[in-house]
């Protein structure tokens, strides 16, 4: 810790809040590619805004063709990297505040991306500025990488690795304290079947979020659907809302969203929808699919019914049925799995294909991102654990997670905060927030990390 750094950050907390509010106001969801904006115009707008903030602070900045931005301080042949991201997941339902309003209520700044990961990005900028203002010499260059596609495939980091030099040591403020040095493998699997369906079902916007709402239309009279609901319930913990429509009934199932790496903390409305649809008199092909999905995945977050409930030192497998688009032409269903590093890609793929075979769907796409692990006694791990202990007084071991951060894409990298200290995580859920004190703490401890690993 450095008193001059801490005092500078405390004096600029209002500036940090202002800049974070400006960043949160931009709905930086991935969209169609545009000239100079490979991940869409809003993400590019957010990148330009953040680089503009850095430029006003006097930093050297660069926009790397819209894939990522960089901000640098210091000299030296070696580089210490800080990897944050500016893209976000969809806001979803259930907010009490404007997801892009940046409202400050009782010390909490609300908005999508405040915690994941715009708050840490702004905190990193201010940490770098505080170190610079304190005139502390650095033996390594410090480079902040502002990624633009962390939530949707990390194409930004693929571009980075092809066109840039990896830092010698890196942290990503996109995980948990004290730090994370092991991440599970990640699987994204999309199944599709074309056929003449008589129902529609829509749920989920991103595979890495547990869907909190599912909406269906069935060609069954409202009174009949209502009677079945009153007699049998939903056979899940989700709530149910029915609405009469021409030639049928609209069904809405309400659960609760969560990050796909911790699906048990949510309530999957899509799985709940399959439970209720299985009670209705549907057409043969529709019913066969519904029954199979209910049988194989009913409110199951661990792959228990398909032989994938495995665990090792990296943790237990989790499974999220994340997105469905089902209409008169057929259905597309997307899964997100976080898998123990000891499981093979082929074994996971086979289990999913075997489970989906009775639906008649084929595997349209399959993406496997291997997990990673760094030794507990490596330089970056041991020094950052010391940084956390010095700042908090807590002597905690490193964590193993199911989330996927930029740390998995580079050598000698770990994730370092912002969750796991001061408050519970609100990433990927309604009313996401970061407290002002948490923002300040993250700026201070990121400055500590810079001094420990680059000073």
Protein backbone atom coordinates (compact mmCIF):
# COMPACT_ATOMS: atom_id res chain seq x y z
CA UNK A 1 0.00 0.00 0.00
CA UNK A 2 1.09 3.57 -0.65
CA UNK A 3 -0.42 6.51 1.26
CA UNK A 4 0.07 8.99 -1.59
CA UNK A 5 -1.74 6.67 -3.99
CA UNK A 6 -4.59 6.09 -1.54
CA UNK A 7 -5.02 9.81 -0.84
CA UNK A 8 -5.10 10.65 -4.56
CA UNK A 9 -7.77 8.01 -5.20
CA UNK A 10 -9.89 9.15 -2.26
CA UNK A 11 -9.72 12.71 -3.58
CA UNK A 12 -10.95 11.55 -7.01
CA UNK A 13 -13.75 9.17 -6.03
CA UNK A 14 -16.42 11.51 -7.44
CA UNK A 15 -14.57 11.62 -10.75
CA UNK A 16 -14.50 7.81 -10.80
CA UNK A 17 -18.25 7.67 -10.20
CA UNK A 18 -18.92 10.23 -12.94
CA UNK A 19 -16.81 8.37 -15.49
CA UNK A 20 -18.39 5.04 -14.59
CA UNK A 21 -21.88 6.54 -14.97
CA UNK A 22 -20.95 7.74 -18.44
CA UNK A 23 -19.66 4.29 -19.37
CA UNK A 24 -22.74 2.50 -18.00
CA UNK A 25 -25.04 4.81 -19.98
CA UNK A 26 -23.87 3.13 -23.20
CA UNK A 27 -25.75 -0.11 -23.95
CA UNK A 28 -22.66 -1.92 -25.20
CA UNK A 29 -24.26 -5.17 -26.33
CA UNK A 30 -22.74 -7.08 -29.22
CA UNK A 31 -24.56 -6.40 -32.49
CA UNK A 32 -24.00 -6.54 -36.23
CA UNK A 33 -20.54 -5.67 -37.48
CA UNK A 34 -20.08 -2.16 -38.85
CA UNK A 35 -17.10 -0.35 -40.42
CA UNK A 36 -14.49 0.06 -37.69
CA UNK A 37 -16.77 -1.68 -35.22
CA UNK A 38 -16.38 -5.48 -35.42
CA UNK A 39 -18.73 -6.03 -32.47
CA UNK A 40 -21.29 -3.36 -33.30
CA UNK A 41 -21.64 0.40 -33.03
CA UNK A 42 -22.58 0.59 -29.33
CA UNK A 43 -19.54 -1.39 -28.18
CA UNK A 44 -17.39 0.85 -30.36
CA UNK A 45 -19.04 3.90 -28.80
CA UNK A 46 -18.21 2.57 -25.34
CA UNK A 47 -14.60 1.87 -26.33
CA UNK A 48 -14.22 5.39 -27.73
CA UNK A 49 -15.77 6.87 -24.59
CA UNK A 50 -13.40 4.98 -22.27
CA UNK A 51 -10.33 5.76 -24.35
CA UNK A 52 -11.50 9.38 -24.34
CA UNK A 53 -11.59 9.36 -20.54
CA UNK A 54 -8.07 7.90 -20.53
CA UNK A 55 -6.89 10.51 -23.02
CA UNK A 56 -8.24 13.34 -20.88
CA UNK A 57 -6.24 11.88 -17.99
CA UNK A 58 -3.10 12.25 -20.10
CA UNK A 59 -2.58 8.61 -21.01
CA UNK A 60 -1.24 7.22 -24.27
CA UNK A 61 -4.15 5.31 -25.85
CA UNK A 62 -4.83 3.27 -28.97
CA UNK A 63 -7.91 1.80 -30.62
CA UNK A 64 -6.91 -1.52 -32.20
CA UNK A 65 -9.39 -1.69 -35.10
CA UNK A 66 -12.31 -1.83 -32.66
CA UNK A 67 -11.30 -5.21 -31.26
CA UNK A 68 -9.76 -3.74 -28.12
CA UNK A 69 -8.21 -0.59 -26.78
CA UNK A 70 -5.00 -0.09 -24.86
CA UNK A 71 -3.74 2.41 -22.30
CA UNK A 72 -0.08 2.46 -21.20
CA UNK A 73 2.19 3.94 -18.56
CA UNK A 74 5.82 3.34 -17.67
CA UNK A 75 8.85 1.94 -19.41
CA UNK A 76 10.64 -1.37 -19.51
CA UNK A 77 11.07 -4.42 -21.68
CA UNK A 78 8.56 -6.46 -19.70
CA UNK A 79 4.86 -5.67 -19.42
CA UNK A 80 2.30 -6.08 -16.66
CA UNK A 81 -1.17 -6.36 -18.19
CA UNK A 82 -4.59 -5.50 -16.77
CA UNK A 83 -7.39 -7.00 -18.86
CA UNK A 84 -10.92 -5.61 -18.48
CA UNK A 85 -13.89 -5.63 -20.84
CA UNK A 86 -16.51 -3.12 -21.93
CA UNK A 87 -19.14 -5.38 -23.51
CA UNK A 88 -22.10 -6.49 -21.41
CA UNK A 89 -24.80 -9.15 -21.26
CA UNK A 90 -28.46 -8.21 -21.95
CA UNK A 91 -30.17 -6.43 -19.08
CA UNK A 92 -33.03 -8.92 -18.77
CA UNK A 93 -36.17 -8.37 -16.69
CA UNK A 94 -36.92 -7.38 -13.11
CA UNK A 95 -34.99 -4.14 -12.67
CA UNK A 96 -36.01 -1.55 -10.09
CA UNK A 97 -33.67 1.00 -11.67
CA UNK A 98 -32.85 2.04 -15.23
CA UNK A 99 -30.23 -0.52 -16.35
CA UNK A 100 -28.39 2.28 -18.16
CA UNK A 101 -29.18 5.17 -15.83
CA UNK A 102 -26.18 4.85 -13.54
CA UNK A 103 -28.38 5.85 -10.60
CA UNK A 104 -26.57 6.35 -7.30
CA UNK A 105 -28.80 5.21 -4.43
CA UNK A 106 -27.52 4.92 -0.86
CA UNK A 107 -23.96 4.44 -2.01
CA UNK A 108 -24.80 1.91 -4.73
CA UNK A 109 -24.32 2.74 -8.40
CA UNK A 110 -26.85 0.67 -10.37
CA UNK A 111 -26.57 -0.40 -13.99
CA UNK A 112 -25.67 -3.23 -16.31
CA UNK A 113 -21.91 -3.55 -16.39
CA UNK A 114 -21.20 -1.61 -13.19
CA UNK A 115 -19.58 -4.70 -11.65
CA UNK A 116 -18.98 -6.76 -14.81
CA UNK A 117 -16.77 -5.19 -16.00
CA UNK A 118 -16.99 -1.44 -16.55
CA UNK A 119 -16.48 -0.56 -12.89
CA UNK A 120 -13.19 -2.46 -12.70
CA UNK A 121 -12.10 -0.93 -16.03
CA UNK A 122 -12.61 2.59 -14.69
CA UNK A 123 -10.99 1.60 -11.39
CA UNK A 124 -7.94 0.35 -13.31
CA UNK A 125 -7.61 3.66 -15.16
CA UNK A 126 -7.64 5.57 -11.90
CA UNK A 127 -5.22 3.12 -10.27
CA UNK A 128 -2.76 3.74 -13.10
CA UNK A 129 -3.21 7.50 -12.82
CA UNK A 130 -2.70 7.42 -9.04
CA UNK A 131 0.58 5.53 -9.44
CA UNK A 132 1.65 7.99 -12.12
CA UNK A 133 0.74 11.02 -10.00
CA UNK A 134 2.66 9.58 -7.04
CA UNK A 135 5.74 9.46 -9.32
CA UNK A 136 6.57 5.90 -8.32
CA UNK A 137 9.17 4.34 -10.66
CA UNK A 138 8.12 1.17 -12.47
CA UNK A 139 10.36 -1.63 -13.71
CA UNK A 140 7.66 -2.99 -16.01
CA UNK A 141 5.41 -1.19 -18.43
CA UNK A 142 1.76 -1.26 -17.31
CA UNK A 143 -0.79 -1.85 -20.04
CA UNK A 144 -4.56 -1.78 -19.63
CA UNK A 145 -6.32 -3.83 -22.32
CA UNK A 146 -9.97 -2.88 -22.84
CA UNK A 147 -11.59 -5.85 -24.55
CA UNK A 148 -14.85 -5.72 -26.49
CA UNK A 149 -16.07 -9.33 -26.82
CA UNK A 150 -15.56 -11.06 -23.47
CA UNK A 151 -19.21 -12.05 -23.05
CA UNK A 152 -19.71 -13.50 -26.54
CA UNK A 153 -16.71 -15.61 -27.43
CA UNK A 154 -13.56 -13.55 -26.75
CA UNK A 155 -12.90 -12.92 -30.44
CA UNK A 156 -11.19 -9.73 -29.27
CA UNK A 157 -8.51 -11.77 -27.52
CA UNK A 158 -8.03 -14.03 -30.53
CA UNK A 159 -7.32 -10.85 -32.51
CA UNK A 160 -5.04 -9.60 -29.74
CA UNK A 161 -2.96 -12.78 -29.72
CA UNK A 162 -2.60 -12.66 -33.51
CA UNK A 163 -1.62 -8.99 -33.72
CA UNK A 164 -0.06 -8.07 -30.38
CA UNK A 165 2.42 -9.24 -27.75
CA UNK A 166 1.12 -10.91 -24.61
CA UNK A 167 2.11 -9.24 -21.33
CA UNK A 168 4.63 -11.12 -19.21
CA UNK A 169 2.20 -11.13 -16.28
CA UNK A 170 -1.50 -10.25 -16.36
CA UNK A 171 -4.53 -9.83 -14.14
CA UNK A 172 -8.17 -9.60 -15.12
CA UNK A 173 -10.37 -7.70 -12.61
CA UNK A 174 -13.33 -9.81 -13.67
CA UNK A 175 -13.39 -12.64 -11.12
CA UNK A 176 -13.20 -12.98 -7.35
CA UNK A 177 -10.93 -11.99 -4.50
CA UNK A 178 -8.43 -12.92 -3.27
CA UNK A 179 -7.76 -14.21 -6.81
CA UNK A 180 -8.68 -17.03 -9.15
CA UNK A 181 -5.94 -19.20 -10.62
CA UNK A 182 -8.11 -22.00 -12.03
CA UNK A 183 -11.08 -21.87 -14.41
CA UNK A 184 -13.23 -24.72 -15.68
CA UNK A 185 -13.51 -25.56 -19.35
CA UNK A 186 -16.46 -23.91 -21.12
CA UNK A 187 -18.74 -25.52 -23.68
CA UNK A 188 -21.27 -23.77 -25.91
CA UNK A 189 -23.44 -26.22 -27.85
CA UNK A 190 -26.26 -25.35 -30.25
CA UNK A 191 -28.80 -27.95 -31.41
CA UNK A 192 -31.30 -27.43 -34.21
CA UNK A 193 -34.18 -29.28 -35.83
CA UNK A 194 -36.36 -28.16 -38.71
CA UNK A 195 -39.93 -29.48 -38.67
CA UNK A 196 -43.54 -28.27 -38.80
CA UNK A 197 -44.30 -27.23 -35.23
CA UNK A 198 -47.62 -26.05 -33.81
CA UNK A 199 -46.19 -24.14 -30.82
CA UNK A 200 -43.77 -21.29 -30.19
CA UNK A 201 -41.34 -20.93 -27.29
CA UNK A 202 -38.90 -18.10 -26.65
CA UNK A 203 -36.48 -17.87 -23.73
CA UNK A 204 -33.07 -16.42 -23.02
CA UNK A 205 -30.93 -13.84 -24.75
CA UNK A 206 -27.43 -15.14 -23.96
CA UNK A 207 -26.33 -18.70 -23.27
CA UNK A 208 -24.21 -17.63 -20.31
CA UNK A 209 -27.25 -16.35 -18.40
CA UNK A 210 -29.92 -18.53 -16.77
CA UNK A 211 -33.18 -17.43 -18.48
CA UNK A 212 -35.49 -15.71 -16.03
CA UNK A 213 -38.51 -15.73 -18.34
CA UNK A 214 -39.93 -18.06 -20.99
CA UNK A 215 -42.93 -17.31 -23.21
CA UNK A 216 -44.88 -19.85 -25.27
CA UNK A 217 -47.98 -20.02 -27.44
CA UNK A 218 -49.95 -23.27 -27.65
CA UNK A 219 -53.01 -23.99 -29.83
CA UNK A 220 -54.97 -25.14 -26.78
CA UNK A 221 -58.05 -23.24 -25.48
CA UNK A 222 -57.40 -20.95 -22.52
CA UNK A 223 -59.95 -22.64 -20.27
CA UNK A 224 -58.34 -26.03 -20.84
CA UNK A 225 -54.83 -24.75 -20.12
CA UNK A 226 -56.09 -22.93 -17.03
CA UNK A 227 -57.79 -26.06 -15.71
CA UNK A 228 -54.61 -28.09 -16.16
CA UNK A 229 -52.59 -25.40 -14.39
CA UNK A 230 -55.02 -25.33 -11.47
CA UNK A 231 -55.04 -29.11 -11.19
CA UNK A 232 -51.37 -29.95 -11.64
CA UNK A 233 -49.48 -26.70 -11.06
CA UNK A 234 -46.23 -26.19 -12.93
CA UNK A 235 -44.22 -29.08 -11.40
CA UNK A 236 -41.36 -26.59 -10.91
CA UNK A 237 -40.69 -23.70 -8.55
CA UNK A 238 -41.30 -21.16 -11.32
CA UNK A 239 -44.41 -18.98 -11.37
CA UNK A 240 -46.94 -19.13 -14.19
CA UNK A 241 -49.08 -16.56 -16.03
CA UNK A 242 -51.70 -17.41 -18.67
CA UNK A 243 -53.39 -15.20 -21.26
CA UNK A 244 -56.15 -16.06 -23.73
CA UNK A 245 -55.30 -15.42 -27.38
CA UNK A 246 -56.93 -16.10 -30.72
CA UNK A 247 -56.78 -19.84 -31.39
CA UNK A 248 -54.91 -20.65 -28.21
CA UNK A 249 -53.13 -19.53 -25.06
CA UNK A 250 -50.01 -17.57 -24.22
CA UNK A 251 -48.00 -19.05 -21.36
CA UNK A 252 -45.41 -17.11 -19.43
CA UNK A 253 -43.11 -18.85 -16.95
CA UNK A 254 -41.12 -16.68 -14.55
CA UNK A 255 -37.94 -17.85 -12.84
CA UNK A 256 -34.86 -15.85 -11.89
CA UNK A 257 -31.67 -15.11 -13.78
CA UNK A 258 -28.14 -15.99 -12.69
CA UNK A 259 -24.72 -16.37 -14.25
CA UNK A 260 -24.38 -19.66 -16.12
CA UNK A 261 -21.32 -20.55 -14.05
CA UNK A 262 -23.59 -20.65 -10.98
CA UNK A 263 -26.96 -21.74 -12.41
CA UNK A 264 -28.11 -23.12 -9.06
CA UNK A 265 -28.37 -19.52 -7.84
CA UNK A 266 -31.13 -18.85 -10.37
CA UNK A 267 -34.34 -20.56 -11.45
CA UNK A 268 -34.38 -21.64 -15.09
CA UNK A 269 -37.67 -20.51 -16.64
CA UNK A 270 -37.01 -22.51 -19.82
CA UNK A 271 -36.73 -25.73 -17.87
CA UNK A 272 -39.87 -24.70 -15.98
CA UNK A 273 -41.65 -24.16 -19.29
CA UNK A 274 -40.83 -27.69 -20.44
CA UNK A 275 -42.29 -29.01 -17.18
CA UNK A 276 -45.61 -27.27 -17.80
CA UNK A 277 -45.82 -27.93 -21.53
CA UNK A 278 -45.45 -31.65 -20.81
CA UNK A 279 -48.90 -31.53 -19.16
CA UNK A 280 -50.69 -30.15 -22.23
CA UNK A 281 -52.24 -31.94 -25.25
CA UNK A 282 -49.63 -31.02 -27.85
CA UNK A 283 -48.99 -32.37 -31.34
CA UNK A 284 -46.96 -35.59 -31.45
CA UNK A 285 -43.63 -34.13 -32.63
CA UNK A 286 -43.84 -31.17 -30.26
CA UNK A 287 -44.70 -33.40 -27.31
CA UNK A 288 -41.86 -35.83 -28.03
CA UNK A 289 -39.34 -32.99 -27.85
CA UNK A 290 -40.88 -31.45 -24.74
CA UNK A 291 -40.95 -34.78 -22.90
CA UNK A 292 -37.33 -35.52 -23.76
CA UNK A 293 -36.14 -32.10 -22.61
CA UNK A 294 -38.12 -32.46 -19.40
CA UNK A 295 -36.83 -35.97 -18.75
CA UNK A 296 -33.18 -35.13 -19.42
CA UNK A 297 -32.93 -31.62 -17.98
CA UNK A 298 -35.81 -31.01 -15.52
CA UNK A 299 -34.54 -28.30 -13.12
CA UNK A 300 -31.12 -29.96 -13.26
CA UNK A 301 -28.06 -27.73 -13.17
CA UNK A 302 -25.41 -30.44 -13.05
CA UNK A 303 -26.10 -32.81 -15.96
CA UNK A 304 -27.20 -35.53 -13.53
CA UNK A 305 -29.64 -37.23 -15.91
CA UNK A 306 -27.24 -37.33 -18.86
CA UNK A 307 -24.17 -38.73 -17.12
CA UNK A 308 -22.22 -35.49 -16.81
CA UNK A 309 -22.41 -34.84 -13.07
CA UNK A 310 -18.64 -34.95 -12.55
CA UNK A 311 -16.20 -33.03 -10.37
CA UNK A 312 -12.46 -32.68 -9.82
CA UNK A 313 -10.14 -30.16 -8.17
CA UNK A 314 -11.45 -27.44 -10.51
CA UNK A 315 -15.03 -27.95 -9.32
CA UNK A 316 -18.33 -29.56 -10.28
CA UNK A 317 -19.82 -29.49 -13.78
CA UNK A 318 -22.71 -27.08 -14.29
CA UNK A 319 -25.21 -27.03 -17.15
CA UNK A 320 -27.43 -24.19 -18.34
CA UNK A 321 -30.17 -24.58 -20.94
CA UNK A 322 -29.80 -20.96 -21.92
CA UNK A 323 -31.57 -19.94 -25.14
CA UNK A 324 -34.41 -21.38 -27.22
CA UNK A 325 -36.08 -20.10 -30.37
CA UNK A 326 -38.97 -22.39 -31.32
CA UNK A 327 -41.54 -21.53 -33.98
CA UNK A 328 -43.50 -23.08 -36.83
CA UNK A 329 -40.28 -24.01 -38.67
CA UNK A 330 -38.58 -25.88 -35.81
CA UNK A 331 -36.34 -25.07 -32.86
CA UNK A 332 -32.82 -24.02 -31.91
CA UNK A 333 -31.57 -24.71 -28.39
CA UNK A 334 -28.30 -23.48 -26.86
CA UNK A 335 -26.48 -24.94 -23.84
CA UNK A 336 -23.70 -23.46 -21.73
CA UNK A 337 -21.62 -25.87 -19.62
CA UNK A 338 -18.76 -25.21 -17.20
CA UNK A 339 -16.77 -28.43 -16.98
CA UNK A 340 -14.05 -29.92 -14.77
CA UNK A 341 -10.73 -29.65 -16.54
CA UNK A 342 -10.28 -33.43 -16.40
CA UNK A 343 -13.26 -34.02 -18.73
CA UNK A 344 -12.56 -34.39 -22.44
CA UNK A 345 -14.28 -32.32 -25.09
CA UNK A 346 -15.34 -35.44 -26.99
CA UNK A 347 -16.88 -37.03 -23.90
CA UNK A 348 -18.96 -33.94 -23.17
CA UNK A 349 -20.06 -33.64 -26.80
CA UNK A 350 -21.12 -37.30 -26.92
CA UNK A 351 -23.19 -37.01 -23.73
CA UNK A 352 -25.03 -33.97 -25.08
CA UNK A 353 -25.65 -35.54 -28.49
CA UNK A 354 -26.91 -38.75 -26.90
CA UNK A 355 -29.27 -36.76 -24.69
CA UNK A 356 -30.63 -34.73 -27.60
CA UNK A 357 -30.88 -37.61 -30.10
CA UNK A 358 -34.54 -38.44 -29.26
CA UNK A 359 -35.53 -34.87 -30.18
CA UNK A 360 -34.29 -35.35 -33.75
CA UNK A 361 -32.06 -32.29 -33.42
CA UNK A 362 -28.55 -32.17 -34.85
CA UNK A 363 -25.52 -30.46 -33.35
CA UNK A 364 -25.30 -27.20 -35.29
CA UNK A 365 -22.25 -25.81 -33.51
CA UNK A 366 -19.96 -26.83 -30.68
CA UNK A 367 -17.32 -24.66 -29.03
CA UNK A 368 -14.94 -25.96 -26.36
CA UNK A 369 -12.69 -23.57 -24.44
CA UNK A 370 -10.21 -25.49 -22.29
CA UNK A 371 -9.80 -24.45 -18.69
CA UNK A 372 -6.52 -23.47 -17.11
CA UNK A 373 -4.63 -23.55 -13.82
CA UNK A 374 -1.61 -21.74 -12.41
CA UNK A 375 0.39 -23.11 -9.46
CA UNK A 376 -0.36 -21.55 -6.08
CA UNK A 377 3.35 -20.80 -5.59
CA UNK A 378 3.86 -18.93 -8.89
CA UNK A 379 5.12 -15.33 -8.67
CA UNK A 380 1.86 -13.67 -9.66
CA UNK A 381 -0.27 -15.81 -7.33
CA UNK A 382 1.93 -15.48 -4.26
CA UNK A 383 2.43 -11.73 -4.68
CA UNK A 384 -1.25 -10.98 -5.24
CA UNK A 385 -2.27 -13.06 -2.23
CA UNK A 386 0.16 -10.90 -0.27
CA UNK A 387 -1.37 -7.74 -1.74
CA UNK A 388 -4.86 -8.84 -0.71
CA UNK A 389 -3.72 -9.77 2.80
CA UNK A 390 -1.92 -6.45 3.28
CA UNK A 391 -4.97 -4.49 2.13
CA UNK A 392 -7.67 -6.47 3.99
CA UNK A 393 -5.94 -8.40 6.75
CA UNK A 394 -7.43 -11.61 5.36
CA UNK A 395 -5.26 -14.64 4.62
CA UNK A 396 -7.32 -16.56 2.04
CA UNK A 397 -6.45 -19.27 -0.50
CA UNK A 398 -6.89 -18.77 -4.26
CA UNK A 399 -10.24 -19.74 -5.77
CA UNK A 400 -11.32 -22.08 -8.55
CA UNK A 401 -14.29 -20.91 -10.63
CA UNK A 402 -16.61 -21.88 -13.45
CA UNK A 403 -16.63 -18.43 -14.98
CA UNK A 404 -14.53 -17.65 -18.00
CA UNK A 405 -12.30 -14.58 -17.91
CA UNK A 406 -9.56 -13.19 -20.10
CA UNK A 407 -7.08 -14.87 -17.74
CA UNK A 408 -7.59 -18.17 -19.58
CA UNK A 409 -6.41 -16.65 -22.86
CA UNK A 410 -2.90 -15.57 -21.83
CA UNK A 411 0.09 -17.11 -20.04
CA UNK A 412 0.84 -16.17 -16.42
CA UNK A 413 -2.57 -14.60 -15.87
CA UNK A 414 -5.12 -14.71 -13.06
CA UNK A 415 -8.39 -12.95 -12.31
CA UNK A 416 -8.23 -10.53 -9.38
CA UNK A 417 -11.52 -9.18 -8.01
CA UNK A 418 -13.93 -7.44 -8.01
CA UNK A 419 -16.27 -10.00 -6.36
CA UNK A 420 -15.75 -11.88 -3.14
CA UNK A 421 -15.08 -8.93 -0.85
CA UNK A 422 -17.30 -6.12 0.52
CA UNK A 423 -20.52 -7.41 -1.09
CA UNK A 424 -22.04 -10.35 -2.95
CA UNK A 425 -21.89 -10.51 -6.73
CA UNK A 426 -24.70 -8.96 -8.75
CA UNK A 427 -23.18 -9.64 -12.18
CA UNK A 428 -25.59 -10.82 -14.90
CA UNK A 429 -28.69 -10.29 -12.72
CA UNK A 430 -31.28 -7.54 -12.34
CA UNK A 431 -30.21 -4.50 -10.30
CA UNK A 432 -26.51 -5.08 -10.90
CA UNK A 433 -24.54 -2.57 -8.85
CA UNK A 434 -21.17 -1.55 -7.54
CA UNK A 435 -20.89 0.46 -4.35
CA UNK A 436 -18.80 3.61 -4.36
CA UNK A 437 -16.69 2.10 -1.58
CA UNK A 438 -16.20 -1.05 -3.65
CA UNK A 439 -15.15 1.04 -6.66
CA UNK A 440 -12.64 2.90 -4.50
CA UNK A 441 -11.37 -0.32 -2.91
CA UNK A 442 -10.82 -1.89 -6.34
CA UNK A 443 -8.89 1.15 -7.55
CA UNK A 444 -6.68 1.02 -4.45
CA UNK A 445 -5.98 -2.71 -4.63
CA UNK A 446 -5.33 -2.55 -8.38
CA UNK A 447 -2.77 0.15 -7.63
CA UNK A 448 -1.30 -2.18 -5.01
CA UNK A 449 -1.07 -4.90 -7.67
CA UNK A 450 0.70 -2.53 -10.06
CA UNK A 451 3.26 -1.65 -7.39
CA UNK A 452 3.79 -5.30 -6.42
CA UNK A 453 4.16 -6.66 -9.94
CA UNK A 454 5.52 -3.70 -11.90
CA UNK A 455 7.09 -1.46 -9.26
